[in-house]
Amino acid sequence: PETGDGASSGKLKLQADGKLQVKGCVAIFCRTKVWTRAR
């Protein structure tokens, strides 16, 4: 919602440090953000 862009597919990866990689892809173009668990 920050950019208004959407992706039809995505991937989530829970890292060993507890952070979550959130990746959205359109065709071969992807963007990844790293989220941290809220306390």
Full PDB file with SEQRES, HELIX, SHEET, SSBOND, CRYST1, ORIGX, SCALE, CONECT and MASTER records, all heavy atoms in Angstrom:
SEQRES   1 A   39  PRO GLU THR GLY ASP GLY ALA SER SER GLY LYS LEU LYS          
SEQRES   2 A   39  LEU GLN ALA ASP GLY LYS LEU GLN VAL LYS GLY CYS VAL          
SEQRES   3 A   39  ALA ILE PHE CYS ARG THR LYS VAL TRP THR ARG ALA ARG          
SHEET    1 AA1 3 SER A   9  LEU A  14  0                                        
SHEET    2 AA1 3 LEU A  20  VAL A  26 -1                                        
SHEET    3 AA1 3 PHE A  29  TRP A  35 -1                                        
SSBOND   1 CYS A   25    CYS A   30                          1555   1555  2.08  
CRYST1    1.000    1.000    1.000  90.00  90.00  90.00 P 1           1          
ORIGX1      1.000000  0.000000  0.000000        0.00000                         
ORIGX2      0.000000  1.000000  0.000000        0.00000                         
ORIGX3      0.000000  0.000000  1.000000        0.00000                         
SCALE1      1.000000  0.000000  0.000000        0.00000                         
SCALE2      0.000000  1.000000  0.000000        0.00000                         
SCALE3      0.000000  0.000000  1.000000        0.00000                         
ATOM      1  N   PRO A   1       0.801  -1.223   0.000  1.00  0.00           N  
ATOM      2  CA  PRO A   1       0.000   0.000   0.000  1.00  0.00           C  
ATOM      3  C   PRO A   1       0.837   1.276   0.000  1.00  0.00           C  
ATOM      4  O   PRO A   1       0.338   2.341  -0.350  1.00  0.00           O  
ATOM      5  CB  PRO A   1      -0.823  -0.110   1.288  1.00  0.00           C  
ATOM      6  CG  PRO A   1      -0.006  -0.982   2.169  1.00  0.00           C  
ATOM      7  CD  PRO A   1       0.703  -1.947   1.257  1.00  0.00           C  
ATOM      8  N   GLU A   2       2.105   1.166   0.353  1.00  0.00           N  
ATOM      9  CA  GLU A   2       2.984   2.331   0.341  1.00  0.00           C  
ATOM     10  C   GLU A   2       3.177   2.841  -1.087  1.00  0.00           C  
ATOM     11  O   GLU A   2       3.221   4.042  -1.325  1.00  0.00           O  
ATOM     12  CB  GLU A   2       4.327   1.968   0.969  1.00  0.00           C  
ATOM     13  CG  GLU A   2       5.292   3.119   1.057  1.00  0.00           C  
ATOM     14  CD  GLU A   2       6.615   2.713   1.671  1.00  0.00           C  
ATOM     15  OE1 GLU A   2       6.649   1.771   2.480  1.00  0.00           O  
ATOM     16  OE2 GLU A   2       7.626   3.347   1.324  1.00  0.00           O  
ATOM     17  N   THR A   3       3.290   1.924  -2.038  1.00  0.00           N  
ATOM     18  CA  THR A   3       3.504   2.298  -3.434  1.00  0.00           C  
ATOM     19  C   THR A   3       2.259   2.108  -4.291  1.00  0.00           C  
ATOM     20  O   THR A   3       2.178   2.655  -5.381  1.00  0.00           O  
ATOM     21  CB  THR A   3       4.631   1.452  -4.049  1.00  0.00           C  
ATOM     22  OG1 THR A   3       4.224   0.076  -4.039  1.00  0.00           O  
ATOM     23  CG2 THR A   3       5.936   1.618  -3.296  1.00  0.00           C  
ATOM     24  N   GLY A   4       1.322   1.296  -3.818  1.00  0.00           N  
ATOM     25  CA  GLY A   4       0.134   0.984  -4.611  1.00  0.00           C  
ATOM     26  C   GLY A   4       0.372  -0.136  -5.602  1.00  0.00           C  
ATOM     27  O   GLY A   4      -0.460  -0.416  -6.449  1.00  0.00           O  
ATOM     28  N   ASP A   5       1.518  -0.799  -5.493  1.00  0.00           N  
ATOM     29  CA  ASP A   5       1.865  -1.874  -6.420  1.00  0.00           C  
ATOM     30  C   ASP A   5       1.512  -3.233  -5.832  1.00  0.00           C  
ATOM     31  O   ASP A   5       1.638  -3.458  -4.631  1.00  0.00           O  
ATOM     32  CB  ASP A   5       3.374  -1.860  -6.716  1.00  0.00           C  
ATOM     33  CG  ASP A   5       3.809  -0.597  -7.438  1.00  0.00           C  
ATOM     34  OD1 ASP A   5       2.998  -0.053  -8.207  1.00  0.00           O  
ATOM     35  OD2 ASP A   5       4.953  -0.161  -7.222  1.00  0.00           O  
ATOM     36  N   GLY A   6       1.103  -4.126  -6.701  1.00  0.00           N  
ATOM     37  CA  GLY A   6       0.803  -5.488  -6.292  1.00  0.00           C  
ATOM     38  C   GLY A   6       1.580  -6.474  -7.129  1.00  0.00           C  
ATOM     39  O   GLY A   6       2.093  -6.147  -8.192  1.00  0.00           O  
ATOM     40  N   ALA A   7       1.688  -7.677  -6.624  1.00  0.00           N  
ATOM     41  CA  ALA A   7       2.354  -8.758  -7.335  1.00  0.00           C  
ATOM     42  C   ALA A   7       1.455  -9.986  -7.260  1.00  0.00           C  
ATOM     43  O   ALA A   7       0.865 -10.258  -6.215  1.00  0.00           O  
ATOM     44  CB  ALA A   7       3.717  -9.062  -6.721  1.00  0.00           C  
ATOM     45  N   SER A   8       1.351 -10.697  -8.351  1.00  0.00           N  
ATOM     46  CA  SER A   8       0.473 -11.866  -8.381  1.00  0.00           C  
ATOM     47  C   SER A   8       1.031 -13.034  -7.587  1.00  0.00           C  
ATOM     48  O   SER A   8       0.281 -13.890  -7.134  1.00  0.00           O  
ATOM     49  CB  SER A   8       0.217 -12.298  -9.827  1.00  0.00           C  
ATOM     50  OG  SER A   8       1.449 -12.599 -10.465  1.00  0.00           O  
ATOM     51  N   SER A   9       2.356 -13.058  -7.392  1.00  0.00           N  
ATOM     52  CA  SER A   9       2.944 -14.151  -6.618  1.00  0.00           C  
ATOM     53  C   SER A   9       3.981 -13.598  -5.654  1.00  0.00           C  
ATOM     54  O   SER A   9       4.506 -12.502  -5.842  1.00  0.00           O  
ATOM     55  CB  SER A   9       3.591 -15.189  -7.535  1.00  0.00           C  
ATOM     56  OG  SER A   9       4.711 -14.630  -8.194  1.00  0.00           O  
ATOM     57  N   GLY A  10       4.251 -14.393  -4.617  1.00  0.00           N  
ATOM     58  CA  GLY A  10       5.228 -13.972  -3.639  1.00  0.00           C  
ATOM     59  C   GLY A  10       5.824 -15.135  -2.895  1.00  0.00           C  
ATOM     60  O   GLY A  10       5.368 -16.282  -3.024  1.00  0.00           O  
ATOM     61  N   LYS A  11       6.834 -14.819  -2.103  1.00  0.00           N  
ATOM     62  CA  LYS A  11       7.508 -15.815  -1.268  1.00  0.00           C  
ATOM     63  C   LYS A  11       7.750 -15.212   0.094  1.00  0.00           C  
ATOM     64  O   LYS A  11       8.043 -14.026   0.226  1.00  0.00           O  
ATOM     65  CB  LYS A  11       8.845 -16.231  -1.884  1.00  0.00           C  
ATOM     66  CG  LYS A  11       8.706 -16.956  -3.207  1.00  0.00           C  
ATOM     67  CD  LYS A  11      10.052 -17.359  -3.757  1.00  0.00           C  
ATOM     68  CE  LYS A  11       9.862 -18.065  -5.091  1.00  0.00           C  
ATOM     69  NZ  LYS A  11      11.119 -18.526  -5.657  1.00  0.00           N  
ATOM     70  N   LEU A  12       7.627 -16.042   1.110  1.00  0.00           N  
ATOM     71  CA  LEU A  12       7.976 -15.669   2.480  1.00  0.00           C  
ATOM     72  C   LEU A  12       9.077 -16.616   2.923  1.00  0.00           C  
ATOM     73  O   LEU A  12       9.006 -17.818   2.653  1.00  0.00           O  
ATOM     74  CB  LEU A  12       6.777 -15.826   3.418  1.00  0.00           C  
ATOM     75  CG  LEU A  12       5.506 -15.056   3.071  1.00  0.00           C  
ATOM     76  CD1 LEU A  12       4.397 -15.396   4.060  1.00  0.00           C  
ATOM     77  CD2 LEU A  12       5.768 -13.562   3.063  1.00  0.00           C  
ATOM     78  N   LYS A  13      10.080 -16.066   3.592  1.00  0.00           N  
ATOM     79  CA  LYS A  13      11.165 -16.904   4.108  1.00  0.00           C  
ATOM     80  C   LYS A  13      11.459 -16.469   5.532  1.00  0.00           C  
ATOM     81  O   LYS A  13      11.838 -15.323   5.771  1.00  0.00           O  
ATOM     82  CB  LYS A  13      12.423 -16.771   3.253  1.00  0.00           C  
ATOM     83  CG  LYS A  13      13.561 -17.631   3.755  1.00  0.00           C  
ATOM     84  CD  LYS A  13      14.778 -17.520   2.875  1.00  0.00           C  
ATOM     85  CE  LYS A  13      15.870 -18.427   3.415  1.00  0.00           C  
ATOM     86  NZ  LYS A  13      17.070 -18.390   2.589  1.00  0.00           N  
ATOM     87  N   LEU A  14      11.297 -17.386   6.472  1.00  0.00           N  
ATOM     88  CA  LEU A  14      11.621 -17.131   7.864  1.00  0.00           C  
ATOM     89  C   LEU A  14      13.107 -17.394   8.058  1.00  0.00           C  
ATOM     90  O   LEU A  14      13.575 -18.522   7.906  1.00  0.00           O  
ATOM     91  CB  LEU A  14      10.781 -18.025   8.777  1.00  0.00           C  
ATOM     92  CG  LEU A  14      10.870 -17.745  10.267  1.00  0.00           C  
ATOM     93  CD1 LEU A  14      10.437 -16.313  10.589  1.00  0.00           C  
ATOM     94  CD2 LEU A  14       9.998 -18.729  11.033  1.00  0.00           C  
ATOM     95  N   GLN A  15      13.852 -16.343   8.360  1.00  0.00           N  
ATOM     96  CA  GLN A  15      15.297 -16.440   8.512  1.00  0.00           C  
ATOM     97  C   GLN A  15      15.650 -16.998   9.889  1.00  0.00           C  
ATOM     98  O   GLN A  15      14.848 -16.955  10.813  1.00  0.00           O  
ATOM     99  CB  GLN A  15      15.939 -15.056   8.340  1.00  0.00           C  
ATOM    100  CG  GLN A  15      15.662 -14.433   6.995  1.00  0.00           C  
ATOM    101  CD  GLN A  15      16.207 -13.019   6.873  1.00  0.00           C  
ATOM    102  OE1 GLN A  15      16.364 -12.569   5.774  1.00  0.00           O  
ATOM    103  NE2 GLN A  15      16.487 -12.323   7.964  1.00  0.00           N  
ATOM    104  N   ALA A  16      16.860 -17.472  10.030  1.00  0.00           N  
ATOM    105  CA  ALA A  16      17.326 -18.043  11.294  1.00  0.00           C  
ATOM    106  C   ALA A  16      17.296 -17.021  12.430  1.00  0.00           C  
ATOM    107  O   ALA A  16      17.116 -17.390  13.586  1.00  0.00           O  
ATOM    108  CB  ALA A  16      18.745 -18.597  11.127  1.00  0.00           C  
ATOM    109  N   ASP A  17      17.433 -15.727  12.105  1.00  0.00           N  
ATOM    110  CA  ASP A  17      17.412 -14.694  13.142  1.00  0.00           C  
ATOM    111  C   ASP A  17      15.995 -14.258  13.515  1.00  0.00           C  
ATOM    112  O   ASP A  17      15.806 -13.331  14.291  1.00  0.00           O  
ATOM    113  CB  ASP A  17      18.247 -13.485  12.725  1.00  0.00           C  
ATOM    114  CG  ASP A  17      17.731 -12.795  11.467  1.00  0.00           C  
ATOM    115  OD1 ASP A  17      16.679 -13.204  10.911  1.00  0.00           O  
ATOM    116  OD2 ASP A  17      18.388 -11.824  11.025  1.00  0.00           O  
ATOM    117  N   GLY A  18      14.983 -14.915  12.936  1.00  0.00           N  
ATOM    118  CA  GLY A  18      13.592 -14.611  13.266  1.00  0.00           C  
ATOM    119  C   GLY A  18      12.960 -13.551  12.389  1.00  0.00           C  
ATOM    120  O   GLY A  18      11.778 -13.264  12.526  1.00  0.00           O  
ATOM    121  N   LYS A  19      13.714 -12.954  11.486  1.00  0.00           N  
ATOM    122  CA  LYS A  19      13.155 -11.968  10.564  1.00  0.00           C  
ATOM    123  C   LYS A  19      12.469 -12.684   9.412  1.00  0.00           C  
ATOM    124  O   LYS A  19      12.780 -13.837   9.114  1.00  0.00           O  
ATOM    125  CB  LYS A  19      14.241 -11.031  10.051  1.00  0.00           C  
ATOM    126  CG  LYS A  19      14.821 -10.169  11.159  1.00  0.00           C  
ATOM    127  CD  LYS A  19      15.913  -9.271  10.646  1.00  0.00           C  
ATOM    128  CE  LYS A  19      16.483  -8.447  11.798  1.00  0.00           C  
ATOM    129  NZ  LYS A  19      17.594  -7.600  11.355  1.00  0.00           N  
ATOM    130  N   LEU A  20      11.541 -11.991   8.777  1.00  0.00           N  
ATOM    131  CA  LEU A  20      10.770 -12.577   7.688  1.00  0.00           C  
ATOM    132  C   LEU A  20      11.040 -11.817   6.400  1.00  0.00           C  
ATOM    133  O   LEU A  20      10.800 -10.611   6.324  1.00  0.00           O  
ATOM    134  CB  LEU A  20       9.279 -12.527   8.019  1.00  0.00           C  
ATOM    135  CG  LEU A  20       8.334 -13.212   7.037  1.00  0.00           C  
ATOM    136  CD1 LEU A  20       8.530 -14.733   7.068  1.00  0.00           C  
ATOM    137  CD2 LEU A  20       6.884 -12.855   7.367  1.00  0.00           C  
ATOM    138  N   GLN A  21      11.559 -12.525   5.395  1.00  0.00           N  
ATOM    139  CA  GLN A  21      11.729 -11.933   4.067  1.00  0.00           C  
ATOM    140  C   GLN A  21      10.398 -12.047   3.340  1.00  0.00           C  
ATOM    141  O   GLN A  21       9.823 -13.135   3.252  1.00  0.00           O  
ATOM    142  CB  GLN A  21      12.778 -12.679   3.256  1.00  0.00           C  
ATOM    143  CG  GLN A  21      14.182 -12.390   3.618  1.00  0.00           C  
ATOM    144  CD  GLN A  21      15.153 -13.098   2.675  1.00  0.00           C  
ATOM    145  OE1 GLN A  21      14.750 -13.765   1.714  1.00  0.00           O  
ATOM    146  NE2 GLN A  21      16.424 -12.972   2.957  1.00  0.00           N  
ATOM    147  N   VAL A  22       9.932 -10.920   2.813  1.00  0.00           N  
ATOM    148  CA  VAL A  22       8.675 -10.888   2.064  1.00  0.00           C  
ATOM    149  C   VAL A  22       9.021 -10.438   0.652  1.00  0.00           C  
ATOM    150  O   VAL A  22       9.502  -9.328   0.450  1.00  0.00           O  
ATOM    151  CB  VAL A  22       7.665  -9.908   2.707  1.00  0.00           C  
ATOM    152  CG1 VAL A  22       6.381  -9.869   1.909  1.00  0.00           C  
ATOM    153  CG2 VAL A  22       7.409 -10.286   4.156  1.00  0.00           C  
ATOM    154  N   LYS A  23       8.786 -11.324  -0.307  1.00  0.00           N  
ATOM    155  CA  LYS A  23       9.160 -11.041  -1.690  1.00  0.00           C  
ATOM    156  C   LYS A  23       7.925 -11.091  -2.569  1.00  0.00           C  
ATOM    157  O   LYS A  23       7.154 -12.043  -2.512  1.00  0.00           O  
ATOM    158  CB  LYS A  23      10.181 -12.070  -2.184  1.00  0.00           C  
ATOM    159  CG  LYS A  23      10.636 -11.847  -3.627  1.00  0.00           C  
ATOM    160  CD  LYS A  23      11.523 -12.979  -4.126  1.00  0.00           C  
ATOM    161  CE  LYS A  23      12.910 -12.835  -3.572  1.00  0.00           C  
ATOM    162  NZ  LYS A  23      13.856 -13.772  -4.215  1.00  0.00           N  
ATOM    163  N   GLY A  24       7.752 -10.044  -3.369  1.00  0.00           N  
ATOM    164  CA  GLY A  24       6.676 -10.015  -4.357  1.00  0.00           C  
ATOM    165  C   GLY A  24       7.275  -9.955  -5.741  1.00  0.00           C  
ATOM    166  O   GLY A  24       8.231  -9.217  -5.973  1.00  0.00           O  
ATOM    167  N   CYS A  25       6.713 -10.736  -6.669  1.00  0.00           N  
ATOM    168  CA  CYS A  25       7.281 -10.815  -8.015  1.00  0.00           C  
ATOM    169  C   CYS A  25       6.211 -10.580  -9.085  1.00  0.00           C  
ATOM    170  O   CYS A  25       5.095 -11.070  -8.982  1.00  0.00           O  
ATOM    171  CB  CYS A  25       7.903 -12.185  -8.251  1.00  0.00           C  
ATOM    172  SG  CYS A  25       9.233 -12.580  -7.107  1.00  0.00           S  
ATOM    173  N   VAL A  26       6.606  -9.816 -10.098  1.00  0.00           N  
ATOM    174  CA  VAL A  26       5.809  -9.632 -11.301  1.00  0.00           C  
ATOM    175  C   VAL A  26       6.713 -10.069 -12.437  1.00  0.00           C  
ATOM    176  O   VAL A  26       7.752  -9.465 -12.676  1.00  0.00           O  
ATOM    177  CB  VAL A  26       5.370  -8.162 -11.481  1.00  0.00           C  
ATOM    178  CG1 VAL A  26       4.622  -7.985 -12.784  1.00  0.00           C  
ATOM    179  CG2 VAL A  26       4.541  -7.704 -10.295  1.00  0.00           C  
ATOM    180  N   ALA A  27       6.313 -11.139 -13.104  1.00  0.00           N  
ATOM    181  CA  ALA A  27       7.147 -11.762 -14.145  1.00  0.00           C  
ATOM    182  C   ALA A  27       8.498 -12.114 -13.519  1.00  0.00           C  
ATOM    183  O   ALA A  27       8.536 -12.832 -12.538  1.00  0.00           O  
ATOM    184  CB  ALA A  27       7.281 -10.859 -15.358  1.00  0.00           C  
ATOM    185  N   ILE A  28       9.597 -11.579 -14.047  1.00  0.00           N  
ATOM    186  CA  ILE A  28      10.919 -11.893 -13.506  1.00  0.00           C  
ATOM    187  C   ILE A  28      11.429 -10.813 -12.552  1.00  0.00           C  
ATOM    188  O   ILE A  28      12.517 -10.912 -12.016  1.00  0.00           O  
ATOM    189  CB  ILE A  28      11.953 -12.114 -14.634  1.00  0.00           C  
ATOM    190  CG1 ILE A  28      12.081 -10.840 -15.484  1.00  0.00           C  
ATOM    191  CG2 ILE A  28      11.579 -13.319 -15.468  1.00  0.00           C  
ATOM    192  CD1 ILE A  28      13.244 -10.877 -16.467  1.00  0.00           C  
ATOM    193  N   PHE A  29      10.629  -9.769 -12.334  1.00  0.00           N  
ATOM    194  CA  PHE A  29      11.044  -8.665 -11.475  1.00  0.00           C  
ATOM    195  C   PHE A  29      10.487  -8.858 -10.077  1.00  0.00           C  
ATOM    196  O   PHE A  29       9.283  -9.012  -9.889  1.00  0.00           O  
ATOM    197  CB  PHE A  29      10.578  -7.334 -12.057  1.00  0.00           C  
ATOM    198  CG  PHE A  29      11.112  -7.098 -13.442  1.00  0.00           C  
ATOM    199  CD1 PHE A  29      10.324  -7.322 -14.553  1.00  0.00           C  
ATOM    200  CD2 PHE A  29      12.428  -6.697 -13.629  1.00  0.00           C  
ATOM    201  CE1 PHE A  29      10.815  -7.123 -15.830  1.00  0.00           C  
ATOM    202  CE2 PHE A  29      12.927  -6.501 -14.898  1.00  0.00           C  
ATOM    203  CZ  PHE A  29      12.123  -6.712 -16.009  1.00  0.00           C  
ATOM    204  N   CYS A  30      11.373  -8.843  -9.080  1.00  0.00           N  
ATOM    205  CA  CYS A  30      10.969  -9.068  -7.695  1.00  0.00           C  
ATOM    206  C   CYS A  30      11.487  -7.947  -6.799  1.00  0.00           C  
ATOM    207  O   CYS A  30      12.499  -7.328  -7.094  1.00  0.00           O  
ATOM    208  CB  CYS A  30      11.530 -10.395  -7.182  1.00  0.00           C  
ATOM    209  SG  CYS A  30      10.925 -11.836  -8.064  1.00  0.00           S  
ATOM    210  N   ARG A  31      10.764  -7.730  -5.708  1.00  0.00           N  
ATOM    211  CA  ARG A  31      11.190  -6.788  -4.673  1.00  0.00           C  
ATOM    212  C   ARG A  31      11.043  -7.490  -3.335  1.00  0.00           C  
ATOM    213  O   ARG A  31      10.030  -8.143  -3.080  1.00  0.00           O  
ATOM    214  CB  ARG A  31      10.338  -5.530  -4.716  1.00  0.00           C  
ATOM    215  CG  ARG A  31      10.920  -4.432  -3.843  1.00  0.00           C  
ATOM    216  CD  ARG A  31      10.210  -3.133  -4.039  1.00  0.00           C  
ATOM    217  NE  ARG A  31       9.078  -3.153  -3.127  1.00  0.00           N  
ATOM    218  CZ  ARG A  31       8.018  -2.392  -3.232  1.00  0.00           C  
ATOM    219  NH1 ARG A  31       7.909  -1.566  -4.226  1.00  0.00           N  
ATOM    220  NH2 ARG A  31       7.060  -2.452  -2.359  1.00  0.00           N  
ATOM    221  N   THR A  32      12.063  -7.347  -2.487  1.00  0.00           N  
ATOM    222  CA  THR A  32      12.072  -8.016  -1.188  1.00  0.00           C  
ATOM    223  C   THR A  32      12.149  -6.987  -0.071  1.00  0.00           C  
ATOM    224  O   THR A  32      12.913  -6.029  -0.165  1.00  0.00           O  
ATOM    225  CB  THR A  32      13.276  -8.976  -1.083  1.00  0.00           C  
ATOM    226  OG1 THR A  32      13.204  -9.928  -2.141  1.00  0.00           O  
ATOM    227  CG2 THR A  32      13.278  -9.705   0.251  1.00  0.00           C  
ATOM    228  N   LYS A  33      11.359  -7.205   0.970  1.00  0.00           N  
ATOM    229  CA  LYS A  33      11.436  -6.412   2.201  1.00  0.00           C  
ATOM    230  C   LYS A  33      11.664  -7.393   3.341  1.00  0.00           C  
ATOM    231  O   LYS A  33      11.263  -8.551   3.258  1.00  0.00           O  
ATOM    232  CB  LYS A  33      10.152  -5.634   2.445  1.00  0.00           C  
ATOM    233  CG  LYS A  33       9.961  -4.480   1.493  1.00  0.00           C  
ATOM    234  CD  LYS A  33       8.832  -3.602   1.940  1.00  0.00           C  
ATOM    235  CE  LYS A  33       8.759  -2.358   1.085  1.00  0.00           C  
ATOM    236  NZ  LYS A  33       7.757  -1.414   1.579  1.00  0.00           N  
ATOM    237  N   VAL A  34      12.293  -6.913   4.407  1.00  0.00           N  
ATOM    238  CA  VAL A  34      12.531  -7.750   5.580  1.00  0.00           C  
ATOM    239  C   VAL A  34      11.715  -7.183   6.732  1.00  0.00           C  
ATOM    240  O   VAL A  34      11.847  -6.003   7.072  1.00  0.00           O  
ATOM    241  CB  VAL A  34      14.032  -7.815   5.941  1.00  0.00           C  
ATOM    242  CG1 VAL A  34      14.247  -8.630   7.190  1.00  0.00           C  
ATOM    243  CG2 VAL A  34      14.828  -8.401   4.777  1.00  0.00           C  
ATOM    244  N   TRP A  35      10.863  -8.017   7.300  1.00  0.00           N  
ATOM    245  CA  TRP A  35      10.009  -7.637   8.421  1.00  0.00           C  
ATOM    246  C   TRP A  35      10.591  -8.219   9.710  1.00  0.00           C  
ATOM    247  O   TRP A  35      11.238  -9.261   9.694  1.00  0.00           O  
ATOM    248  CB  TRP A  35       8.600  -8.166   8.246  1.00  0.00           C  
ATOM    249  CG  TRP A  35       7.847  -7.586   7.094  1.00  0.00           C  
ATOM    250  CD1 TRP A  35       8.253  -6.621   6.211  1.00  0.00           C  
ATOM    251  CD2 TRP A  35       6.519  -7.941   6.697  1.00  0.00           C  
ATOM    252  NE1 TRP A  35       7.278  -6.361   5.305  1.00  0.00           N  
ATOM    253  CE2 TRP A  35       6.185  -7.152   5.569  1.00  0.00           C  
ATOM    254  CE3 TRP A  35       5.572  -8.841   7.179  1.00  0.00           C  
ATOM    255  CZ2 TRP A  35       4.969  -7.237   4.925  1.00  0.00           C  
ATOM    256  CZ3 TRP A  35       4.344  -8.937   6.539  1.00  0.00           C  
ATOM    257  CH2 TRP A  35       4.047  -8.135   5.431  1.00  0.00           C  
ATOM    258  N   THR A  36      10.342  -7.542  10.814  1.00  0.00           N  
ATOM    259  CA  THR A  36      10.749  -8.025  12.128  1.00  0.00           C  
ATOM    260  C   THR A  36       9.506  -8.258  12.973  1.00  0.00           C  
ATOM    261  O   THR A  36       8.511  -7.542  12.831  1.00  0.00           O  
ATOM    262  CB  THR A  36      11.682  -7.033  12.839  1.00  0.00           C  
ATOM    263  OG1 THR A  36      11.015  -5.768  12.963  1.00  0.00           O  
ATOM    264  CG2 THR A  36      12.979  -6.853  12.092  1.00  0.00           C  
ATOM    265  N   ARG A  37       9.584  -9.249  13.814  1.00  0.00           N  
ATOM    266  CA  ARG A  37       8.436  -9.561  14.666  1.00  0.00           C  
ATOM    267  C   ARG A  37       8.225  -8.441  15.663  1.00  0.00           C  
ATOM    268  O   ARG A  37       9.157  -7.986  16.312  1.00  0.00           O  
ATOM    269  CB  ARG A  37       8.641 -10.896  15.388  1.00  0.00           C  
ATOM    270  CG  ARG A  37       7.353 -11.472  15.933  1.00  0.00           C  
ATOM    271  CD  ARG A  37       7.549 -12.849  16.513  1.00  0.00           C  
ATOM    272  NE  ARG A  37       7.689 -13.902  15.543  1.00  0.00           N  
ATOM    273  CZ  ARG A  37       6.687 -14.548  14.967  1.00  0.00           C  
ATOM    274  NH1 ARG A  37       5.446 -14.234  15.237  1.00  0.00           N  
ATOM    275  NH2 ARG A  37       6.912 -15.540  14.137  1.00  0.00           N  
ATOM    276  N   ALA A  38       6.991  -7.974  15.796  1.00  0.00           N  
ATOM    277  CA  ALA A  38       6.660  -6.921  16.752  1.00  0.00           C  
ATOM    278  C   ALA A  38       6.613  -7.516  18.145  1.00  0.00           C  
ATOM    279  O   ALA A  38       6.243  -8.672  18.325  1.00  0.00           O  
ATOM    280  CB  ALA A  38       5.316  -6.287  16.394  1.00  0.00           C  
ATOM    281  N   ARG A  39       6.946  -6.727  19.123  1.00  0.00           N  
ATOM    282  CA  ARG A  39       6.942  -7.186  20.511  1.00  0.00           C  
ATOM    283  C   ARG A  39       5.703  -6.677  21.205  1.00  0.00           C  
ATOM    284  O   ARG A  39       5.223  -5.638  20.994  1.00  0.00           O  
ATOM    285  CB  ARG A  39       8.171  -6.684  21.231  1.00  0.00           C  
ATOM    286  CG  ARG A  39       9.433  -7.113  20.515  1.00  0.00           C  
ATOM    287  CD  ARG A  39      10.587  -7.215  21.448  1.00  0.00           C  
ATOM    288  NE  ARG A  39      11.866  -7.122  20.812  1.00  0.00           N  
ATOM    289  CZ  ARG A  39      12.334  -7.936  19.893  1.00  0.00           C  
ATOM    290  NH1 ARG A  39      11.619  -8.911  19.453  1.00  0.00           N  
ATOM    291  NH2 ARG A  39      13.538  -7.773  19.398  1.00  0.00           N  
TER     292      ARG A  39                                                      
CONECT  172  209                                                                
CONECT  209  172                                                                
MASTER        0    0    0    0    3    0    0    6  291    1    2    3          
END                                                                             
